[in-house]
N, C-alpha and C. Protein backbone atom coordinates (compact mmCIF):
# COMPACT_ATOMS: atom_id res chain seq x y z
N ALA A 1 0.83 -1.19 0.00
CA ALA A 1 0.00 0.00 0.00
C ALA A 1 0.87 1.25 0.00
N GLU A 2 1.95 1.22 0.78
CA GLU A 2 2.82 2.41 0.83
C GLU A 2 3.50 2.63 -0.52
N ARG A 3 3.99 1.57 -1.12
CA ARG A 3 4.67 1.71 -2.41
C ARG A 3 3.74 2.27 -3.48
N ALA A 4 2.46 1.99 -3.35
CA ALA A 4 1.48 2.49 -4.33
C ALA A 4 1.00 3.89 -3.98
N TRP A 5 1.55 4.49 -2.91
CA TRP A 5 1.15 5.82 -2.45
C TRP A 5 -0.36 5.86 -2.24
N ALA A 6 -0.84 4.81 -1.58
CA ALA A 6 -2.28 4.66 -1.40
C ALA A 6 -2.86 5.67 -0.42
N GLY A 7 -2.05 6.18 0.46
CA GLY A 7 -2.53 7.18 1.41
C GLY A 7 -2.99 6.58 2.72
N ALA A 8 -3.30 7.46 3.64
CA ALA A 8 -3.66 7.06 5.00
C ALA A 8 -4.95 6.26 5.04
N ASP A 9 -5.87 6.52 4.11
CA ASP A 9 -7.15 5.81 4.12
C ASP A 9 -6.98 4.30 3.96
N LEU A 10 -5.95 3.90 3.26
CA LEU A 10 -5.69 2.47 3.09
C LEU A 10 -4.77 1.93 4.18
N LEU A 11 -3.87 2.77 4.67
CA LEU A 11 -2.89 2.31 5.66
C LEU A 11 -3.46 2.21 7.07
N LEU A 12 -4.29 3.17 7.48
CA LEU A 12 -4.80 3.16 8.85
C LEU A 12 -5.65 1.94 9.19
N PRO A 13 -6.47 1.40 8.28
CA PRO A 13 -7.19 0.17 8.62
C PRO A 13 -6.26 -1.02 8.91
N LEU A 14 -5.04 -0.98 8.36
CA LEU A 14 -4.07 -2.03 8.66
C LEU A 14 -3.68 -2.01 10.14
N VAL A 15 -3.73 -0.81 10.74
CA VAL A 15 -3.43 -0.69 12.17
C VAL A 15 -4.58 -1.27 12.98
N ALA A 16 -5.79 -0.87 12.65
CA ALA A 16 -6.96 -1.29 13.41
C ALA A 16 -7.27 -2.77 13.25
N ASP A 17 -7.06 -3.30 12.06
CA ASP A 17 -7.47 -4.67 11.76
C ASP A 17 -6.37 -5.71 11.99
N SER A 18 -5.15 -5.28 12.17
CA SER A 18 -4.04 -6.23 12.26
C SER A 18 -3.97 -6.89 13.63
N THR A 19 -3.71 -8.19 13.61
CA THR A 19 -3.45 -8.92 14.85
C THR A 19 -1.94 -9.04 15.06
N ASP A 20 -1.18 -8.56 14.10
CA ASP A 20 0.28 -8.62 14.16
C ASP A 20 0.81 -7.22 14.50
N PRO A 21 1.40 -7.05 15.70
CA PRO A 21 1.91 -5.73 16.08
C PRO A 21 2.96 -5.19 15.11
N GLY A 22 3.70 -6.08 14.48
CA GLY A 22 4.71 -5.65 13.51
C GLY A 22 4.08 -5.00 12.28
N VAL A 23 2.98 -5.57 11.81
CA VAL A 23 2.26 -5.00 10.67
C VAL A 23 1.67 -3.65 11.05
N ALA A 24 1.08 -3.58 12.23
CA ALA A 24 0.48 -2.32 12.68
C ALA A 24 1.54 -1.24 12.81
N SER A 25 2.67 -1.55 13.39
CA SER A 25 3.75 -0.56 13.54
C SER A 25 4.28 -0.11 12.19
N ALA A 26 4.42 -1.05 11.26
CA ALA A 26 4.89 -0.69 9.92
C ALA A 26 3.88 0.23 9.23
N ALA A 27 2.61 -0.05 9.40
CA ALA A 27 1.57 0.80 8.80
C ALA A 27 1.60 2.21 9.41
N ILE A 28 1.82 2.29 10.71
CA ILE A 28 1.90 3.59 11.38
C ILE A 28 3.09 4.38 10.85
N ARG A 29 4.23 3.72 10.73
CA ARG A 29 5.42 4.40 10.19
C ARG A 29 5.16 4.85 8.75
N ALA A 30 4.46 4.04 7.97
CA ALA A 30 4.14 4.41 6.59
C ALA A 30 3.23 5.64 6.55
N VAL A 31 2.28 5.71 7.47
CA VAL A 31 1.41 6.89 7.55
C VAL A 31 2.25 8.13 7.85
N GLY A 32 3.21 8.01 8.73
CA GLY A 32 4.09 9.13 9.03
C GLY A 32 4.87 9.59 7.82
N ARG A 33 5.31 8.65 7.00
CA ARG A 33 6.09 9.01 5.81
C ARG A 33 5.29 9.79 4.78
N LEU A 34 3.96 9.80 4.93
CA LEU A 34 3.13 10.62 4.03
C LEU A 34 3.32 12.11 4.32
N GLU A 35 3.84 12.43 5.52
CA GLU A 35 4.08 13.81 5.95
C GLU A 35 2.82 14.67 5.80
N ASP A 36 1.72 14.11 6.27
CA ASP A 36 0.42 14.78 6.21
C ASP A 36 -0.04 15.15 7.62
N PRO A 37 -0.04 16.44 7.97
CA PRO A 37 -0.43 16.84 9.31
C PRO A 37 -1.88 16.49 9.66
N HIS A 38 -2.70 16.26 8.66
CA HIS A 38 -4.11 15.93 8.92
C HIS A 38 -4.30 14.59 9.63
N VAL A 39 -3.28 13.72 9.57
CA VAL A 39 -3.40 12.41 10.22
C VAL A 39 -2.96 12.43 11.69
N VAL A 40 -2.40 13.54 12.13
CA VAL A 40 -1.90 13.62 13.51
C VAL A 40 -2.99 13.30 14.55
N PRO A 41 -4.20 13.87 14.46
CA PRO A 41 -5.21 13.52 15.47
C PRO A 41 -5.50 12.01 15.52
N THR A 42 -5.49 11.35 14.39
CA THR A 42 -5.71 9.90 14.35
C THR A 42 -4.56 9.17 15.02
N LEU A 43 -3.34 9.62 14.76
CA LEU A 43 -2.17 9.00 15.38
C LEU A 43 -2.16 9.20 16.89
N LEU A 44 -2.59 10.37 17.33
CA LEU A 44 -2.65 10.66 18.77
C LEU A 44 -3.65 9.75 19.49
N ALA A 45 -4.64 9.28 18.76
CA ALA A 45 -5.70 8.46 19.36
C ALA A 45 -5.40 6.96 19.36
N LEU A 46 -4.27 6.56 18.79
CA LEU A 46 -3.94 5.13 18.75
C LEU A 46 -3.69 4.60 20.15
N LYS A 47 -3.90 3.30 20.31
CA LYS A 47 -3.74 2.71 21.64
C LYS A 47 -2.27 2.74 22.08
N PRO A 48 -2.05 2.73 23.38
CA PRO A 48 -0.68 2.86 23.92
C PRO A 48 0.32 1.83 23.40
N ASP A 49 -0.15 0.69 22.94
CA ASP A 49 0.76 -0.33 22.41
C ASP A 49 1.59 0.21 21.25
N TYR A 50 1.09 1.23 20.59
CA TYR A 50 1.74 1.75 19.39
C TYR A 50 2.41 3.10 19.63
N GLN A 51 2.69 3.45 20.89
CA GLN A 51 3.26 4.76 21.21
C GLN A 51 4.56 5.04 20.48
N ALA A 52 5.45 4.10 20.46
CA ALA A 52 6.76 4.34 19.85
C ALA A 52 6.63 4.66 18.37
N ALA A 53 5.89 3.85 17.65
CA ALA A 53 5.71 4.09 16.21
C ALA A 53 4.90 5.36 15.97
N ALA A 54 3.88 5.60 16.79
CA ALA A 54 3.05 6.79 16.61
C ALA A 54 3.84 8.06 16.87
N ALA A 55 4.72 8.05 17.87
CA ALA A 55 5.52 9.24 18.17
C ALA A 55 6.37 9.64 16.98
N VAL A 56 7.03 8.67 16.37
CA VAL A 56 7.86 8.95 15.19
C VAL A 56 6.98 9.41 14.02
N ALA A 57 5.84 8.76 13.84
CA ALA A 57 4.94 9.13 12.73
C ALA A 57 4.37 10.53 12.92
N ILE A 58 4.10 10.91 14.14
CA ILE A 58 3.57 12.25 14.41
C ILE A 58 4.62 13.30 14.04
N ALA A 59 5.85 13.09 14.48
CA ALA A 59 6.92 14.04 14.15
C ALA A 59 7.12 14.13 12.64
N GLN A 60 7.09 12.99 11.97
CA GLN A 60 7.28 13.00 10.53
C GLN A 60 6.10 13.65 9.82
N SER A 61 4.89 13.46 10.35
CA SER A 61 3.71 14.08 9.75
C SER A 61 3.77 15.60 9.86
N LEU A 62 4.47 16.10 10.87
CA LEU A 62 4.59 17.54 11.08
C LEU A 62 5.85 18.14 10.44
N LYS A 63 6.59 17.32 9.69
CA LYS A 63 7.80 17.80 9.03
C LYS A 63 7.45 18.94 8.07
N GLY A 64 8.11 20.07 8.25
CA GLY A 64 7.88 21.22 7.39
C GLY A 64 6.58 21.97 7.67
N PHE A 65 5.85 21.55 8.69
CA PHE A 65 4.56 22.15 9.01
C PHE A 65 4.78 23.49 9.72
N ASP A 66 4.06 24.51 9.30
CA ASP A 66 4.12 25.81 9.95
C ASP A 66 3.17 25.79 11.14
N PRO A 67 3.70 25.87 12.37
CA PRO A 67 2.83 25.78 13.53
C PRO A 67 1.80 26.92 13.62
N ALA A 68 2.05 28.02 12.94
CA ALA A 68 1.08 29.13 12.94
C ALA A 68 -0.18 28.73 12.17
N ALA A 69 -0.09 27.75 11.29
CA ALA A 69 -1.25 27.31 10.51
C ALA A 69 -2.29 26.61 11.39
N ASP A 70 -1.83 25.92 12.43
CA ASP A 70 -2.74 25.23 13.36
C ASP A 70 -2.04 25.02 14.69
N PRO A 71 -1.96 26.08 15.50
CA PRO A 71 -1.26 25.96 16.79
C PRO A 71 -1.85 24.87 17.69
N ALA A 72 -3.15 24.64 17.60
CA ALA A 72 -3.78 23.62 18.45
C ALA A 72 -3.28 22.22 18.09
N LEU A 73 -3.05 21.97 16.83
CA LEU A 73 -2.53 20.68 16.40
C LEU A 73 -1.14 20.44 16.99
N VAL A 74 -0.30 21.45 16.91
CA VAL A 74 1.04 21.33 17.48
C VAL A 74 0.96 21.18 18.99
N GLN A 75 0.07 21.92 19.63
CA GLN A 75 -0.11 21.82 21.09
C GLN A 75 -0.52 20.41 21.48
N ASN A 76 -1.45 19.81 20.75
CA ASN A 76 -1.90 18.46 21.07
C ASN A 76 -0.77 17.44 20.90
N ALA A 77 0.00 17.59 19.83
CA ALA A 77 1.14 16.68 19.61
C ALA A 77 2.17 16.87 20.71
N TRP A 78 2.48 18.13 21.04
CA TRP A 78 3.45 18.41 22.10
C TRP A 78 2.99 17.82 23.43
N ALA A 79 1.73 18.05 23.79
CA ALA A 79 1.21 17.56 25.08
C ALA A 79 1.28 16.05 25.16
N TRP A 80 0.96 15.37 24.08
CA TRP A 80 1.01 13.91 24.03
C TRP A 80 2.44 13.42 24.24
N LEU A 81 3.39 14.02 23.52
CA LEU A 81 4.79 13.64 23.66
C LEU A 81 5.32 14.00 25.05
N TYR A 82 4.91 15.12 25.57
CA TYR A 82 5.34 15.55 26.90
C TYR A 82 4.90 14.53 27.96
N ARG A 83 3.67 14.07 27.86
CA ARG A 83 3.18 13.06 28.82
C ARG A 83 4.03 11.79 28.75
N ILE A 84 4.39 11.39 27.56
CA ILE A 84 5.23 10.19 27.42
C ILE A 84 6.60 10.45 28.03
N GLY A 85 7.20 11.58 27.70
CA GLY A 85 8.54 11.90 28.18
C GLY A 85 8.64 12.14 29.67
N MET A 86 7.53 12.49 30.30
CA MET A 86 7.54 12.77 31.74
C MET A 86 7.05 11.58 32.56
N GLN A 87 6.93 10.41 31.95
CA GLN A 87 6.55 9.22 32.71
C GLN A 87 7.57 8.98 33.82
N PRO A 88 7.12 8.38 34.91
CA PRO A 88 8.06 8.10 36.01
C PRO A 88 9.22 7.22 35.54
N ILE A 89 10.40 7.59 36.00
CA ILE A 89 11.60 6.83 35.66
C ILE A 89 12.12 6.19 36.95
N VAL A 90 11.81 4.94 37.12
CA VAL A 90 12.27 4.23 38.32
C VAL A 90 13.24 3.10 37.96
N SER A 91 13.41 2.86 36.67
CA SER A 91 14.31 1.79 36.23
C SER A 91 14.77 2.10 34.81
N ASP A 92 15.68 1.26 34.30
CA ASP A 92 16.11 1.42 32.92
C ASP A 92 14.93 1.30 31.96
N GLY A 93 13.98 0.40 32.30
CA GLY A 93 12.79 0.25 31.48
C GLY A 93 11.96 1.52 31.46
N GLY A 94 11.90 2.21 32.60
CA GLY A 94 11.17 3.47 32.67
C GLY A 94 11.82 4.53 31.80
N VAL A 95 13.15 4.55 31.76
CA VAL A 95 13.86 5.49 30.90
C VAL A 95 13.53 5.17 29.44
N ARG A 96 13.53 3.89 29.11
CA ARG A 96 13.25 3.51 27.72
C ARG A 96 11.83 3.88 27.31
N LEU A 97 10.87 3.75 28.21
CA LEU A 97 9.50 4.15 27.90
C LEU A 97 9.42 5.66 27.68
N ALA A 98 10.00 6.43 28.58
CA ALA A 98 9.98 7.88 28.45
C ALA A 98 10.76 8.33 27.22
N ALA A 99 11.80 7.59 26.87
CA ALA A 99 12.65 7.96 25.74
C ALA A 99 11.95 7.84 24.38
N ARG A 100 10.77 7.25 24.36
CA ARG A 100 10.01 7.19 23.10
C ARG A 100 9.74 8.59 22.56
N ALA A 101 9.74 9.57 23.45
CA ALA A 101 9.45 10.95 23.04
C ALA A 101 10.69 11.70 22.59
N VAL A 102 11.88 11.20 22.86
CA VAL A 102 13.11 11.95 22.66
C VAL A 102 13.30 12.40 21.21
N GLY A 103 13.40 11.48 20.29
CA GLY A 103 13.63 11.86 18.89
C GLY A 103 12.52 12.72 18.32
N PRO A 104 11.27 12.28 18.48
CA PRO A 104 10.17 13.07 17.94
C PRO A 104 10.07 14.49 18.51
N MET A 105 10.35 14.68 19.80
CA MET A 105 10.24 16.02 20.39
C MET A 105 11.19 17.01 19.74
N GLY A 106 12.34 16.53 19.34
CA GLY A 106 13.32 17.41 18.72
C GLY A 106 13.05 17.71 17.26
N ARG A 107 12.16 16.96 16.64
CA ARG A 107 11.92 17.10 15.20
C ARG A 107 10.72 17.99 14.87
N ILE A 108 10.11 18.60 15.86
CA ILE A 108 8.90 19.40 15.64
C ILE A 108 9.22 20.88 15.78
N LYS A 109 8.67 21.66 14.87
CA LYS A 109 8.74 23.12 14.97
C LYS A 109 7.54 23.55 15.81
N TYR A 110 7.82 24.18 16.95
CA TYR A 110 6.77 24.50 17.92
C TYR A 110 6.14 25.86 17.69
N ALA A 111 4.95 26.02 18.27
CA ALA A 111 4.17 27.24 18.12
C ALA A 111 4.42 28.24 19.24
N SER A 112 4.95 27.77 20.38
CA SER A 112 5.13 28.68 21.51
C SER A 112 6.43 28.36 22.25
N GLU A 113 6.91 29.37 22.97
CA GLU A 113 8.11 29.18 23.79
C GLU A 113 7.88 28.14 24.87
N SER A 114 6.67 28.09 25.43
CA SER A 114 6.42 27.11 26.49
C SER A 114 6.52 25.68 25.95
N GLN A 115 6.11 25.46 24.71
CA GLN A 115 6.27 24.13 24.12
C GLN A 115 7.75 23.81 23.93
N LEU A 116 8.50 24.77 23.42
CA LEU A 116 9.94 24.57 23.23
C LEU A 116 10.61 24.25 24.57
N HIS A 117 10.31 25.03 25.59
CA HIS A 117 10.95 24.80 26.88
C HIS A 117 10.46 23.51 27.54
N GLY A 118 9.23 23.11 27.28
CA GLY A 118 8.74 21.82 27.77
C GLY A 118 9.48 20.67 27.10
N ALA A 119 9.75 20.81 25.80
CA ALA A 119 10.52 19.78 25.09
C ALA A 119 11.93 19.71 25.67
N GLU A 120 12.52 20.86 25.95
CA GLU A 120 13.85 20.88 26.57
C GLU A 120 13.84 20.16 27.91
N GLU A 121 12.80 20.41 28.69
CA GLU A 121 12.68 19.78 30.00
C GLU A 121 12.71 18.26 29.89
N VAL A 122 11.96 17.74 28.94
CA VAL A 122 11.93 16.28 28.73
C VAL A 122 13.30 15.78 28.31
N LEU A 123 13.93 16.46 27.36
CA LEU A 123 15.24 16.02 26.88
C LEU A 123 16.29 16.06 27.99
N ARG A 124 16.30 17.15 28.76
CA ARG A 124 17.27 17.24 29.87
C ARG A 124 17.05 16.13 30.88
N ARG A 125 15.80 15.93 31.24
CA ARG A 125 15.45 14.92 32.26
C ARG A 125 15.93 13.53 31.85
N ILE A 126 15.65 13.17 30.62
CA ILE A 126 16.05 11.84 30.15
C ILE A 126 17.55 11.79 29.92
N GLY A 127 18.12 12.86 29.39
CA GLY A 127 19.56 12.90 29.15
C GLY A 127 20.37 12.79 30.42
N VAL A 128 19.96 13.49 31.47
CA VAL A 128 20.66 13.43 32.75
C VAL A 128 20.58 12.02 33.33
N ARG A 129 19.42 11.40 33.21
CA ARG A 129 19.25 10.04 33.73
C ARG A 129 20.08 9.03 32.95
N ALA A 130 20.18 9.22 31.64
CA ALA A 130 20.90 8.27 30.79
C ALA A 130 22.41 8.50 30.79
N ALA A 131 22.85 9.70 31.17
CA ALA A 131 24.26 10.06 31.04
C ALA A 131 25.21 9.17 31.83
N ASN A 132 24.81 8.70 32.97
CA ASN A 132 25.71 7.93 33.83
C ASN A 132 25.59 6.43 33.67
N ASP A 133 24.79 5.98 32.75
CA ASP A 133 24.56 4.55 32.60
C ASP A 133 24.99 4.08 31.21
N PRO A 134 26.08 3.33 31.12
CA PRO A 134 26.54 2.86 29.81
C PRO A 134 25.48 2.05 29.05
N ASN A 135 24.56 1.42 29.78
CA ASN A 135 23.50 0.65 29.12
C ASN A 135 22.49 1.55 28.42
N LEU A 136 22.52 2.84 28.75
CA LEU A 136 21.58 3.80 28.15
C LEU A 136 22.28 4.77 27.21
N ALA A 137 23.47 4.40 26.75
CA ALA A 137 24.25 5.28 25.87
C ALA A 137 23.50 5.62 24.59
N ASP A 138 22.72 4.67 24.08
CA ASP A 138 21.95 4.93 22.85
C ASP A 138 20.91 6.02 23.09
N ILE A 139 20.31 6.02 24.26
CA ILE A 139 19.32 7.05 24.60
C ILE A 139 20.01 8.40 24.77
N TYR A 140 21.15 8.40 25.45
CA TYR A 140 21.89 9.64 25.65
C TYR A 140 22.26 10.27 24.30
N THR A 141 22.74 9.45 23.39
CA THR A 141 23.09 9.94 22.06
C THR A 141 21.86 10.49 21.35
N SER A 142 20.73 9.82 21.48
CA SER A 142 19.48 10.31 20.87
C SER A 142 19.06 11.66 21.47
N VAL A 143 19.26 11.83 22.77
CA VAL A 143 18.92 13.10 23.41
C VAL A 143 19.77 14.22 22.83
N MET A 144 21.06 13.98 22.68
CA MET A 144 21.94 15.03 22.15
C MET A 144 21.58 15.38 20.70
N ARG A 145 21.28 14.38 19.91
CA ARG A 145 20.85 14.63 18.52
C ARG A 145 19.53 15.41 18.50
N SER A 146 18.65 15.06 19.40
CA SER A 146 17.35 15.73 19.47
C SER A 146 17.50 17.18 19.88
N PHE A 147 18.41 17.46 20.80
CA PHE A 147 18.69 18.85 21.18
C PHE A 147 19.14 19.66 19.96
N GLU A 148 19.99 19.06 19.15
CA GLU A 148 20.47 19.77 17.95
C GLU A 148 19.32 20.12 17.04
N SER A 149 18.46 19.14 16.76
CA SER A 149 17.30 19.38 15.89
C SER A 149 16.36 20.41 16.50
N LEU A 150 16.10 20.28 17.78
CA LEU A 150 15.20 21.20 18.47
C LEU A 150 15.69 22.63 18.34
N ALA A 151 16.98 22.85 18.59
CA ALA A 151 17.54 24.20 18.52
C ALA A 151 17.51 24.73 17.08
N ARG A 152 17.84 23.88 16.12
CA ARG A 152 17.87 24.31 14.72
C ARG A 152 16.49 24.67 14.21
N LEU A 153 15.50 23.82 14.47
CA LEU A 153 14.15 24.05 13.95
C LEU A 153 13.44 25.22 14.64
N ASN A 154 13.80 25.50 15.86
CA ASN A 154 13.09 26.50 16.65
C ASN A 154 13.93 27.73 16.96
N SER A 155 14.98 27.96 16.20
CA SER A 155 15.90 29.07 16.49
C SER A 155 15.22 30.43 16.41
N ARG A 156 14.21 30.58 15.59
CA ARG A 156 13.51 31.86 15.48
C ARG A 156 12.47 32.05 16.58
N LEU A 157 12.07 30.98 17.20
CA LEU A 157 11.05 31.04 18.25
C LEU A 157 11.66 31.56 19.56
N ALA A 158 12.76 30.95 19.98
CA ALA A 158 13.42 31.33 21.23
C ALA A 158 14.74 30.59 21.34
N GLN A 159 15.57 31.06 22.26
CA GLN A 159 16.81 30.36 22.57
C GLN A 159 16.51 29.23 23.54
N LEU A 160 17.39 28.25 23.53
CA LEU A 160 17.29 27.22 24.56
C LEU A 160 17.51 27.90 25.91
N ASP A 161 16.92 27.34 26.95
CA ASP A 161 17.05 27.98 28.26
C ASP A 161 18.44 27.73 28.86
N ASP A 162 18.72 28.42 29.96
CA ASP A 162 20.05 28.36 30.57
C ASP A 162 20.45 26.95 30.98
N ASP A 163 19.52 26.18 31.53
CA ASP A 163 19.85 24.82 31.95
C ASP A 163 20.27 23.95 30.77
N SER A 164 19.58 24.10 29.65
CA SER A 164 19.93 23.32 28.47
C SER A 164 21.27 23.77 27.90
N ARG A 165 21.50 25.07 27.84
CA ARG A 165 22.77 25.58 27.32
C ARG A 165 23.94 25.12 28.20
N THR A 166 23.73 25.10 29.52
CA THR A 166 24.78 24.63 30.44
C THR A 166 25.07 23.15 30.20
N LEU A 167 24.03 22.35 30.08
CA LEU A 167 24.20 20.92 29.81
C LEU A 167 24.94 20.70 28.50
N LEU A 168 24.52 21.40 27.47
CA LEU A 168 25.13 21.22 26.15
C LEU A 168 26.58 21.73 26.12
N ALA A 169 26.85 22.80 26.85
CA ALA A 169 28.23 23.30 26.94
C ALA A 169 29.14 22.24 27.57
N LYS A 170 28.65 21.56 28.60
CA LYS A 170 29.43 20.51 29.24
C LYS A 170 29.69 19.35 28.27
N VAL A 171 28.73 19.06 27.43
CA VAL A 171 28.90 17.99 26.44
C VAL A 171 29.98 18.41 25.44
N VAL A 172 29.90 19.64 24.95
CA VAL A 172 30.87 20.11 23.96
C VAL A 172 32.27 20.20 24.58
N GLU A 173 32.33 20.63 25.83
CA GLU A 173 33.63 20.73 26.53
C GLU A 173 34.15 19.36 26.96
N ASN A 174 33.34 18.34 26.76
CA ASN A 174 33.70 16.98 27.16
C ASN A 174 33.85 16.86 28.67
N THR A 175 33.05 17.62 29.41
CA THR A 175 33.06 17.51 30.87
C THR A 175 31.79 16.85 31.38
N ALA A 176 30.89 16.48 30.46
CA ALA A 176 29.68 15.75 30.85
C ALA A 176 30.05 14.29 31.05
N PRO A 177 29.22 13.57 31.80
CA PRO A 177 29.52 12.13 32.01
C PRO A 177 29.67 11.35 30.71
């Protein structure tokens, strides 16, 4: 269906009707590759089993999207990702669950400074937790990449806050863990 550019109308039923989580996740990722912001509300409504795939698809659906065109859409996507990123972290598994928001949060152009700073908060929180654990090095690397994207895409909106700049300066100076 994706190769035929069939669109979300053909791909989304594969999510609802599939008994195979792999097929459903692939369909969700394919919907994201359409880069159609109109599918974001549908992606936000998917069941929690598909959070990881939906988070990436949401960010991809908003690629190149002007947040001034629909600030509420961006707010809903941000709030959804923020909830995921702020989940309690009591174990490595908790970090991995919260980290589902890391890459997608950095790939969105936000409508407000509060959204930008909320995304920073999530990235710092997860980055600080992952920094001291070699088993979470992949997450730490993702946080740093996400910070780069976040700053680049939102440079006209606002600067990163002092806490984020301090953290990133330590990384560049090689004084971070």
